[in-house]
Amino acid sequence: MQAVCQAKEAHDKSCPWGGKGTEVHMAWFDLERLGWEEGDVICGLVVVGDETVATGMMRVTCDAEGDGGGKTEDEEVVETVDAVSTERVPLTVGN
């Protein structure tokens, strides 16, 4: 619990957007190990289970993040073009 409080304090002092911490994201394993549940409030932060956070780590998100702290990835658009030549070009191998 003390580590969460320290993380919130560090975030609030160093947030480049001037926000205040609202959530702490932790690995599901860590939540279970500590006996916490998603939605619990620790040091004023709502606990969120997050599979993208490594075990033993935490991520504090704040009210200044536009998407509420959740990550969104733009969908990658891949366009495949089949290029077929109508001509043959002879190649010479070697000198």
C-alpha atoms as a PDB file:
ATOM      1  CA  MET A   1       0.000   0.000   0.000  1.00  0.00           C
ATOM      2  CA  GLN A   2       2.852   2.358   0.796  1.00  0.00           C
ATOM      3  CA  ALA A   3       4.316   1.874  -2.701  1.00  0.00           C
ATOM      4  CA  VAL A   4       0.991   2.923  -4.272  1.00  0.00           C
ATOM      5  CA  CYS A   5       0.867   6.062  -2.117  1.00  0.00           C
ATOM      6  CA  GLN A   6       4.455   6.928  -3.079  1.00  0.00           C
ATOM      7  CA  ALA A   7       3.713   6.315  -6.777  1.00  0.00           C
ATOM      8  CA  LYS A   8       0.708   8.653  -6.612  1.00  0.00           C
ATOM      9  CA  GLU A   9       2.768  11.334  -4.890  1.00  0.00           C
ATOM     10  CA  ALA A  10       5.574  11.014  -7.456  1.00  0.00           C
ATOM     11  CA  HIS A  11       3.076  11.168 -10.333  1.00  0.00           C
ATOM     12  CA  ASP A  12       1.280  14.227  -8.982  1.00  0.00           C
ATOM     13  CA  LYS A  13       4.589  16.088  -8.609  1.00  0.00           C
ATOM     14  CA  SER A  14       5.949  15.178 -12.035  1.00  0.00           C
ATOM     15  CA  CYS A  15       2.936  14.895 -14.368  1.00  0.00           C
ATOM     16  CA  PRO A  16       3.757  16.952 -17.485  1.00  0.00           C
ATOM     17  CA  TRP A  17       0.054  17.825 -17.865  1.00  0.00           C
ATOM     18  CA  GLY A  18      -0.404  18.856 -14.229  1.00  0.00           C
ATOM     19  CA  GLY A  19      -2.930  16.112 -13.534  1.00  0.00           C
ATOM     20  CA  LYS A  20      -3.714  14.297 -10.315  1.00  0.00           C
ATOM     21  CA  GLY A  21      -3.574  10.499 -10.153  1.00  0.00           C
ATOM     22  CA  THR A  22      -6.955   8.741 -10.357  1.00  0.00           C
ATOM     23  CA  GLU A  23      -6.130   5.079 -11.063  1.00  0.00           C
ATOM     24  CA  VAL A  24      -3.361   2.604 -10.372  1.00  0.00           C
ATOM     25  CA  HIS A  25      -2.982  -0.151 -12.972  1.00  0.00           C
ATOM     26  CA  MET A  26      -1.460  -3.409 -11.759  1.00  0.00           C
ATOM     27  CA  ALA A  27      -1.006  -6.971 -13.019  1.00  0.00           C
ATOM     28  CA  TRP A  28      -3.864  -9.307 -12.107  1.00  0.00           C
ATOM     29  CA  PHE A  29      -1.368 -11.579 -10.333  1.00  0.00           C
ATOM     30  CA  ASP A  30      -0.309  -8.743  -8.033  1.00  0.00           C
ATOM     31  CA  LEU A  31      -3.922  -7.840  -7.212  1.00  0.00           C
ATOM     32  CA  GLU A  32      -4.637 -11.435  -6.234  1.00  0.00           C
ATOM     33  CA  ARG A  33      -1.407 -11.738  -4.242  1.00  0.00           C
ATOM     34  CA  LEU A  34      -2.225  -8.578  -2.260  1.00  0.00           C
ATOM     35  CA  GLY A  35      -5.853  -9.583  -1.747  1.00  0.00           C
ATOM     36  CA  TRP A  36      -7.093  -6.512  -3.613  1.00  0.00           C
ATOM     37  CA  GLU A  37      -9.919  -6.395  -6.118  1.00  0.00           C
ATOM     38  CA  GLU A  38     -10.484  -4.214  -9.137  1.00  0.00           C
ATOM     39  CA  GLY A  39     -12.368  -1.124  -7.997  1.00  0.00           C
ATOM     40  CA  ASP A  40     -10.766  -0.977  -4.545  1.00  0.00           C
ATOM     41  CA  VAL A  41      -9.502   2.481  -3.586  1.00  0.00           C
ATOM     42  CA  ILE A  42      -5.937   2.717  -2.275  1.00  0.00           C
ATOM     43  CA  CYS A  43      -4.560   6.158  -1.342  1.00  0.00           C
ATOM     44  CA  GLY A  44      -7.313   7.777  -3.397  1.00  0.00           C
ATOM     45  CA  LEU A  45      -6.510   5.714  -6.517  1.00  0.00           C
ATOM     46  CA  VAL A  46      -8.971   3.244  -8.032  1.00  0.00           C
ATOM     47  CA  VAL A  47      -7.285  -0.146  -8.498  1.00  0.00           C
ATOM     48  CA  VAL A  48      -7.446  -1.459 -12.080  1.00  0.00           C
ATOM     49  CA  GLY A  49      -6.328  -4.908 -13.239  1.00  0.00           C
ATOM     50  CA  ASP A  50      -4.253  -4.484 -16.391  1.00  0.00           C
ATOM     51  CA  GLU A  51      -2.664  -7.330 -18.354  1.00  0.00           C
ATOM     52  CA  THR A  52      -0.247  -4.894 -20.024  1.00  0.00           C
ATOM     53  CA  VAL A  53       1.466  -4.071 -16.718  1.00  0.00           C
ATOM     54  CA  ALA A  54       4.290  -6.417 -15.753  1.00  0.00           C
ATOM     55  CA  THR A  55       4.196  -8.273 -12.446  1.00  0.00           C
ATOM     56  CA  GLY A  56       5.733  -6.176  -9.684  1.00  0.00           C
ATOM     57  CA  MET A  57       5.102  -2.925 -11.552  1.00  0.00           C
ATOM     58  CA  MET A  58       2.303  -0.363 -11.458  1.00  0.00           C
ATOM     59  CA  ARG A  59       1.170   2.523 -13.630  1.00  0.00           C
ATOM     60  CA  VAL A  60      -0.601   5.591 -12.273  1.00  0.00           C
ATOM     61  CA  THR A  61      -2.989   7.320 -14.681  1.00  0.00           C
ATOM     62  CA  CYS A  62      -4.563  10.698 -14.141  1.00  0.00           C
ATOM     63  CA  ASP A  63      -7.428  13.044 -14.917  1.00  0.00           C
ATOM     64  CA  ALA A  64      -5.275  14.958 -17.410  1.00  0.00           C
ATOM     65  CA  GLU A  65      -5.015  12.005 -19.795  1.00  0.00           C
ATOM     66  CA  GLY A  66      -7.505  12.528 -22.596  1.00  0.00           C
ATOM     67  CA  ASP A  67      -8.689   8.929 -22.771  1.00  0.00           C
ATOM     68  CA  GLY A  68      -8.993   8.448 -19.018  1.00  0.00           C
ATOM     69  CA  GLY A  69      -5.720   6.575 -18.816  1.00  0.00           C
ATOM     70  CA  GLY A  70      -6.647   3.750 -21.118  1.00  0.00           C
ATOM     71  CA  LYS A  71      -4.426   3.039 -24.062  1.00  0.00           C
ATOM     72  CA  THR A  72      -5.919   3.046 -27.518  1.00  0.00           C
ATOM     73  CA  GLU A  73      -4.125   1.856 -30.588  1.00  0.00           C
ATOM     74  CA  ASP A  74      -4.959   3.133 -34.018  1.00  0.00           C
ATOM     75  CA  GLU A  75      -5.939   0.336 -36.307  1.00  0.00           C
ATOM     76  CA  GLU A  76      -3.171  -0.328 -38.768  1.00  0.00           C
ATOM     77  CA  VAL A  77      -4.356  -0.278 -42.353  1.00  0.00           C
ATOM     78  CA  VAL A  78      -2.376  -2.534 -44.633  1.00  0.00           C
ATOM     79  CA  GLU A  79      -2.933  -2.364 -48.356  1.00  0.00           C
ATOM     80  CA  THR A  80      -1.626  -5.228 -50.456  1.00  0.00           C
ATOM     81  CA  VAL A  81      -0.914  -4.629 -54.104  1.00  0.00           C
ATOM     82  CA  ASP A  82      -0.088  -7.483 -56.479  1.00  0.00           C
ATOM     83  CA  ALA A  83       2.361  -6.223 -59.081  1.00  0.00           C
ATOM     84  CA  VAL A  84       2.409  -8.376 -62.187  1.00  0.00           C
ATOM     85  CA  SER A  85       4.633  -7.621 -65.143  1.00  0.00           C
ATOM     86  CA  THR A  86       3.452  -8.212 -68.676  1.00  0.00           C
ATOM     87  CA  GLU A  87       7.030  -8.277 -70.011  1.00  0.00           C
ATOM     88  CA  ARG A  88       9.992 -10.572 -69.425  1.00  0.00           C
ATOM     89  CA  VAL A  89      13.392  -9.047 -68.795  1.00  0.00           C
ATOM     90  CA  PRO A  90      16.404 -11.335 -69.306  1.00  0.00           C
ATOM     91  CA  LEU A  91      18.909 -11.310 -66.432  1.00  0.00           C
ATOM     92  CA  THR A  92      22.571 -12.200 -66.720  1.00  0.00           C
ATOM     93  CA  VAL A  93      24.114 -14.021 -63.792  1.00  0.00           C
ATOM     94  CA  GLY A  94      27.822 -13.466 -63.088  1.00  0.00           C
ATOM     95  CA  ASN A  95      30.287 -11.380 -65.088  1.00  0.00           C
END
